[in-house]
N, C-alpha and C. Protein backbone atom coordinates (compact mmCIF):
# COMPACT_ATOMS: atom_id res chain seq x y z
N MET A 1 107.34 95.00 131.11
CA MET A 1 106.12 94.44 129.95
C MET A 1 106.97 94.54 128.83
N LEU A 2 107.15 96.45 128.77
CA LEU A 2 107.44 96.43 127.31
C LEU A 2 109.32 96.26 126.84
N GLY A 3 109.45 95.47 127.81
CA GLY A 3 111.15 95.11 127.31
C GLY A 3 110.60 93.22 126.48
N THR A 4 109.58 92.88 127.26
CA THR A 4 109.10 91.43 126.55
C THR A 4 108.27 92.06 125.68
N VAL A 5 107.66 92.55 125.28
CA VAL A 5 106.91 93.22 123.78
C VAL A 5 108.49 93.38 122.99
N ALA A 6 109.09 94.12 123.38
CA ALA A 6 110.58 94.40 122.48
C ALA A 6 111.06 93.41 122.08
N VAL A 7 111.26 92.46 122.89
CA VAL A 7 111.86 91.19 122.49
C VAL A 7 111.36 90.68 121.38
N LEU A 8 110.14 90.39 121.94
CA LEU A 8 108.96 89.23 120.83
C LEU A 8 109.00 90.16 119.78
N LEU A 9 108.94 91.71 119.50
CA LEU A 9 108.97 92.17 118.27
C LEU A 9 110.76 91.46 117.20
N LEU A 10 111.73 91.93 118.31
CA LEU A 10 112.59 91.79 117.87
C LEU A 10 112.91 90.33 116.96
N VAL A 11 112.33 89.11 117.60
CA VAL A 11 112.53 87.98 117.32
C VAL A 11 111.59 87.74 115.88
N LEU A 12 110.49 88.37 116.07
CA LEU A 12 109.61 88.73 114.75
C LEU A 12 110.32 88.79 113.82
N LEU A 13 111.04 90.29 114.29
CA LEU A 13 111.64 91.14 112.87
C LEU A 13 112.86 89.93 111.90
N LEU A 14 113.56 89.62 113.07
CA LEU A 14 114.77 88.51 112.80
C LEU A 14 114.41 86.93 111.96
N GLY A 15 113.18 86.54 112.33
CA GLY A 15 113.00 85.45 112.16
C GLY A 15 112.06 85.63 111.21
N ASN A 16 111.70 84.01 110.44
CA ASN A 16 110.70 84.09 109.25
C ASN A 16 109.01 83.26 109.62
N PRO A 17 108.94 83.52 109.94
CA PRO A 17 107.19 82.98 110.91
C PRO A 17 106.84 82.10 109.10
N TYR A 18 107.12 82.04 108.07
CA TYR A 18 107.35 81.55 106.91
C TYR A 18 107.75 80.05 106.92
N SER A 19 108.72 79.92 107.31
CA SER A 19 109.49 79.00 106.97
C SER A 19 110.25 78.32 107.99
N GLU A 20 110.19 78.85 109.33
CA GLU A 20 110.17 78.17 110.46
C GLU A 20 109.28 77.69 111.06
N VAL A 21 109.86 76.35 111.92
CA VAL A 21 108.88 75.49 112.63
C VAL A 21 108.62 76.01 113.92
N TRP A 22 109.33 76.62 114.59
CA TRP A 22 109.05 76.92 115.63
C TRP A 22 108.40 78.00 116.15
N TRP A 23 107.37 78.54 115.04
CA TRP A 23 106.70 79.81 115.56
C TRP A 23 105.19 78.87 116.00
N LEU A 24 104.43 79.64 116.93
CA LEU A 24 103.36 79.10 117.47
C LEU A 24 102.28 78.94 116.35
N LYS A 25 101.49 77.96 116.56
CA LYS A 25 100.30 77.68 115.24
C LYS A 25 99.19 78.05 115.83
N CYS A 26 98.04 78.70 115.33
CA CYS A 26 96.75 78.25 115.62
C CYS A 26 96.23 77.23 115.95
N PRO A 27 95.55 76.92 117.30
CA PRO A 27 95.43 75.91 118.05
C PRO A 27 94.03 75.59 117.04
N LEU A 28 92.91 76.41 116.89
CA LEU A 28 91.91 76.37 116.24
C LEU A 28 92.00 75.76 114.84
N HIS A 29 93.29 76.38 113.89
CA HIS A 29 93.05 75.88 112.52
C HIS A 29 93.90 74.60 112.56
N THR A 30 95.19 74.23 113.12
CA THR A 30 95.21 73.28 113.57
C THR A 30 94.43 71.87 113.60
N LEU A 31 93.59 72.04 114.80
CA LEU A 31 92.23 71.09 114.60
C LEU A 31 91.15 71.45 114.03
N THR A 32 90.53 72.41 113.60
CA THR A 32 89.37 72.29 112.82
C THR A 32 89.79 72.49 111.26
N GLY A 33 90.92 73.21 111.27
CA GLY A 33 90.96 73.95 109.11
C GLY A 33 90.44 75.42 109.50
N TRP A 34 89.69 75.55 110.39
CA TRP A 34 89.11 76.92 110.43
C TRP A 34 89.87 78.17 110.99
N GLN A 35 89.90 79.11 110.38
CA GLN A 35 91.07 80.79 110.88
C GLN A 35 90.14 81.36 111.76
N CYS A 36 90.73 81.26 112.79
CA CYS A 36 90.21 82.36 114.02
C CYS A 36 90.57 83.83 113.44
N PRO A 37 89.61 84.68 114.06
CA PRO A 37 90.07 86.32 114.02
C PRO A 37 91.66 86.60 114.04
N LEU A 38 92.47 85.72 114.42
CA LEU A 38 93.51 86.58 115.15
C LEU A 38 94.71 85.50 113.94
N CYS A 39 94.11 84.55 113.41
CA CYS A 39 95.13 83.70 112.39
C CYS A 39 95.86 84.68 111.52
N GLY A 40 97.32 84.27 111.25
CA GLY A 40 97.85 84.90 110.64
C GLY A 40 98.69 86.18 111.11
N MET A 41 98.53 86.69 112.19
CA MET A 41 98.99 87.80 112.98
C MET A 41 100.20 87.76 113.07
N GLN A 42 100.77 86.81 113.39
CA GLN A 42 102.77 86.33 113.30
C GLN A 42 103.18 86.56 112.16
N ARG A 43 102.39 86.52 110.95
CA ARG A 43 103.21 86.71 109.50
C ARG A 43 102.51 88.30 109.31
N GLN A 44 101.66 88.41 109.85
CA GLN A 44 101.49 90.21 109.64
C GLN A 44 102.15 90.68 110.15
N LEU A 45 102.23 90.43 111.67
CA LEU A 45 103.31 91.72 111.99
C LEU A 45 104.85 91.55 111.09
N HIS A 46 105.24 90.57 111.04
CA HIS A 46 106.40 90.20 110.34
C HIS A 46 106.50 91.40 108.50
N ALA A 47 105.57 91.23 108.18
CA ALA A 47 105.02 91.71 106.97
C ALA A 47 105.30 93.09 107.25
N LEU A 48 104.80 93.64 108.26
CA LEU A 48 104.79 94.93 108.28
C LEU A 48 105.65 95.59 108.68
N MET A 49 106.94 94.50 109.64
CA MET A 49 107.86 95.42 109.91
C MET A 49 109.26 95.28 108.70
N HIS A 50 108.43 94.47 107.59
CA HIS A 50 109.68 94.80 106.23
C HIS A 50 108.93 95.12 105.46
N PHE A 51 107.84 96.19 105.73
CA PHE A 51 106.95 97.28 104.36
C PHE A 51 106.56 96.34 103.72
N GLN A 52 106.11 95.23 103.87
CA GLN A 52 105.18 94.81 102.56
C GLN A 52 103.92 95.22 103.17
N TRP A 53 103.16 95.95 102.93
CA TRP A 53 101.81 96.89 102.69
C TRP A 53 100.80 95.72 102.23
N ALA A 54 100.84 95.49 101.34
CA ALA A 54 99.66 94.59 100.55
C ALA A 54 99.93 93.13 101.29
N GLU A 55 100.61 92.46 101.60
CA GLU A 55 101.04 91.25 102.28
C GLU A 55 99.99 91.08 103.67
N ALA A 56 100.40 92.70 104.17
CA ALA A 56 100.12 92.75 106.02
C ALA A 56 98.49 92.32 105.50
N TRP A 57 98.15 93.30 105.05
CA TRP A 57 96.95 93.16 103.96
C TRP A 57 95.95 92.41 104.55
N ARG A 58 96.62 91.32 102.97
CA ARG A 58 95.53 90.00 102.61
C ARG A 58 95.89 88.72 103.62
N LEU A 59 96.84 89.25 104.68
CA LEU A 59 96.88 88.05 105.35
C LEU A 59 95.58 88.32 106.69
N ASN A 60 95.11 89.63 107.14
CA ASN A 60 94.16 89.71 108.09
C ASN A 60 93.76 91.43 107.87
N PRO A 61 92.87 91.52 107.18
CA PRO A 61 92.81 93.16 106.93
C PRO A 61 91.70 93.67 108.24
N VAL A 62 91.25 93.00 108.73
CA VAL A 62 89.86 93.12 110.26
C VAL A 62 91.42 93.51 111.42
N LEU A 63 91.94 92.77 111.61
CA LEU A 63 93.22 92.88 112.16
C LEU A 63 94.18 94.14 111.93
N LEU A 64 94.75 94.40 111.19
CA LEU A 64 95.23 95.40 110.45
C LEU A 64 94.90 96.52 110.90
N LEU A 65 93.57 96.67 110.26
CA LEU A 65 92.70 97.94 111.10
C LEU A 65 92.57 98.36 112.19
N SER A 66 93.04 96.85 113.37
CA SER A 66 92.39 97.19 114.67
C SER A 66 93.45 96.91 115.58
N TYR A 67 94.63 97.79 114.77
CA TYR A 67 95.82 97.95 115.36
C TYR A 67 96.05 98.85 116.33
N PRO A 68 95.65 99.90 115.82
CA PRO A 68 95.52 101.74 116.49
C PRO A 68 94.73 101.17 118.14
N TYR A 69 93.47 100.78 117.68
CA TYR A 69 93.12 100.58 118.87
C TYR A 69 94.08 99.37 119.94
N LEU A 70 94.42 98.44 119.66
CA LEU A 70 95.38 97.65 120.26
C LEU A 70 95.98 98.55 121.00
N PHE A 71 96.57 99.26 120.18
CA PHE A 71 97.76 100.13 120.49
C PHE A 71 97.55 101.41 121.83
N LEU A 72 96.57 101.95 121.50
CA LEU A 72 96.17 102.82 123.09
C LEU A 72 95.50 101.58 123.66
N LEU A 73 94.89 100.70 123.87
CA LEU A 73 94.64 99.61 124.84
C LEU A 73 96.09 99.40 126.12
N LEU A 74 97.45 98.82 124.99
CA LEU A 74 98.74 98.90 125.37
C LEU A 74 99.09 99.91 125.83
N LEU A 75 98.66 100.87 125.47
CA LEU A 75 99.36 102.28 126.01
C LEU A 75 98.88 102.61 127.81
N GLY A 76 97.26 102.02 127.31
CA GLY A 76 96.58 102.19 128.71
C GLY A 76 97.42 101.54 129.69
N GLN A 77 97.73 100.18 129.62
CA GLN A 77 98.22 99.33 130.71
C GLN A 77 99.49 100.04 130.87
N LEU A 78 100.59 100.70 130.29
CA LEU A 78 101.73 101.20 130.65
C LEU A 78 101.58 102.65 130.83
N SER A 79 100.78 103.18 131.00
CA SER A 79 100.40 104.57 131.45
C SER A 79 99.28 105.03 131.87
N PRO A 80 99.11 104.68 133.62
CA PRO A 80 97.84 105.59 133.70
C PRO A 80 97.46 106.87 133.81
N ARG A 81 98.77 107.92 133.32
CA ARG A 81 97.70 108.92 133.08
C ARG A 81 96.80 108.89 131.77
N PHE A 82 97.63 108.34 130.55
CA PHE A 82 96.87 108.21 129.76
C PHE A 82 95.58 107.32 129.81
N ARG A 83 95.15 106.36 130.52
CA ARG A 83 94.40 105.55 130.62
C ARG A 83 93.03 106.99 131.65
N ALA A 84 93.77 107.57 132.11
CA ALA A 84 92.57 108.75 132.77
C ALA A 84 92.32 109.67 131.72
N SER A 85 92.77 109.83 130.64
CA SER A 85 92.63 110.94 129.94
C SER A 85 91.17 110.05 129.06
N ARG A 86 90.57 111.14 128.32
CA ARG A 86 89.52 111.13 127.65
C ARG A 86 89.21 109.95 126.99
N LEU A 87 90.49 109.94 125.82
CA LEU A 87 90.81 108.83 125.03
C LEU A 87 90.45 107.18 125.53
N GLY A 88 91.70 107.66 126.73
CA GLY A 88 91.76 106.14 127.40
C GLY A 88 90.75 106.02 128.11
N GLU A 89 89.78 106.49 128.59
CA GLU A 89 88.48 106.02 129.77
C GLU A 89 87.44 105.58 128.21
N TRP A 90 87.78 106.14 127.14
CA TRP A 90 86.81 105.66 125.91
C TRP A 90 87.45 104.23 125.28
N CYS A 91 88.27 103.67 125.31
CA CYS A 91 89.41 102.69 125.09
C CYS A 91 88.67 101.40 125.91
N TYR A 92 88.68 101.77 127.30
CA TYR A 92 88.75 100.62 128.52
C TYR A 92 86.98 100.87 128.56
N ARG A 93 85.91 101.58 127.65
CA ARG A 93 84.55 101.40 128.08
C ARG A 93 84.23 99.97 127.72
N ASN A 94 83.07 99.26 128.93
CA ASN A 94 82.68 98.08 128.22
C ASN A 94 82.08 97.99 126.86
N SER A 95 81.38 99.30 126.78
CA SER A 95 80.46 98.66 125.34
C SER A 95 81.48 98.79 124.07
N VAL A 96 82.93 99.87 124.26
CA VAL A 96 83.74 99.58 123.25
C VAL A 96 84.24 98.59 123.21
N LEU A 97 85.09 97.61 124.46
CA LEU A 97 85.83 96.50 124.41
C LEU A 97 84.47 95.29 123.42
N PHE A 98 83.60 95.13 124.05
CA PHE A 98 82.78 94.61 123.78
C PHE A 98 82.22 94.53 122.20
N ALA A 99 82.47 95.80 121.67
CA ALA A 99 82.13 96.05 120.11
C ALA A 99 83.14 95.33 119.66
N PHE A 100 84.43 95.61 119.88
CA PHE A 100 85.24 95.19 119.50
C PHE A 100 85.88 94.04 119.12
N ILE A 101 85.35 92.61 120.60
CA ILE A 101 85.35 91.43 120.27
C ILE A 101 84.36 91.09 119.39
N GLY A 102 82.88 91.89 119.51
CA GLY A 102 81.82 91.38 118.67
C GLY A 102 82.55 91.73 117.01
N VAL A 103 82.78 92.54 116.77
CA VAL A 103 83.77 92.48 115.54
C VAL A 103 84.86 91.24 115.17
N LEU A 104 85.40 91.10 116.05
CA LEU A 104 86.32 89.99 115.68
C LEU A 104 85.89 88.81 115.72
N LEU A 105 84.60 88.66 116.70
CA LEU A 105 83.93 87.27 116.22
C LEU A 105 83.15 87.22 115.19
N LEU A 106 82.78 88.31 114.82
CA LEU A 106 81.73 88.34 113.45
C LEU A 106 83.18 88.30 112.13
N TRP A 107 84.09 88.37 112.80
CA TRP A 107 85.18 88.60 111.05
C TRP A 107 85.73 86.93 111.18
N GLY A 108 86.01 86.31 112.43
CA GLY A 108 85.78 85.22 112.78
C GLY A 108 85.17 84.23 111.94
N ILE A 109 83.81 84.55 111.91
CA ILE A 109 82.45 84.02 111.19
C ILE A 109 82.62 84.39 109.78
N ILE A 110 82.60 85.32 109.68
CA ILE A 110 82.86 85.70 108.10
C ILE A 110 83.77 84.97 107.23
N ARG A 111 85.11 85.16 108.00
CA ARG A 111 86.25 84.59 106.87
C ARG A 111 86.28 83.29 107.05
N ASN A 112 85.22 82.47 107.40
CA ASN A 112 85.03 80.96 107.29
C ASN A 112 84.21 80.35 106.19
N ILE A 113 82.72 81.53 106.09
CA ILE A 113 82.15 80.97 105.28
C ILE A 113 82.77 81.01 103.32
C-alpha cells in the first residue's frame, strides 16, 4: 500500500493535472457542474508538492485543513501500534469519523451556494 501511495505521489509530482487530459475528473462536477468536497484535490496536492501554498488554499481550503487528520487515518492503517495509541483510538472513533464526514458534506453544500 505504501508503495502504491509513493508511486501515485511521484506521478502527481512529475505530471501536471492542469494541462494533461489523462488525469481523473470528478464525476459529480462532470455531470452537474457542482463541486464535490474533494474537487481540486489532485491539483491541490500538485501545488503543495511544488510549494505553491496560496494556490493549494485557493483550490480547497477545507480539504487542506483536513490533511493532518487524513494522514493520521493512513498512519493507523499502516501501523497497528499507532492505531492502538490514544490518538489513534480517537481518530477512529465513530463520532470523530462521522463529524469529519459531516464537515466535508457541509463544505460540499457551502461551496456550491
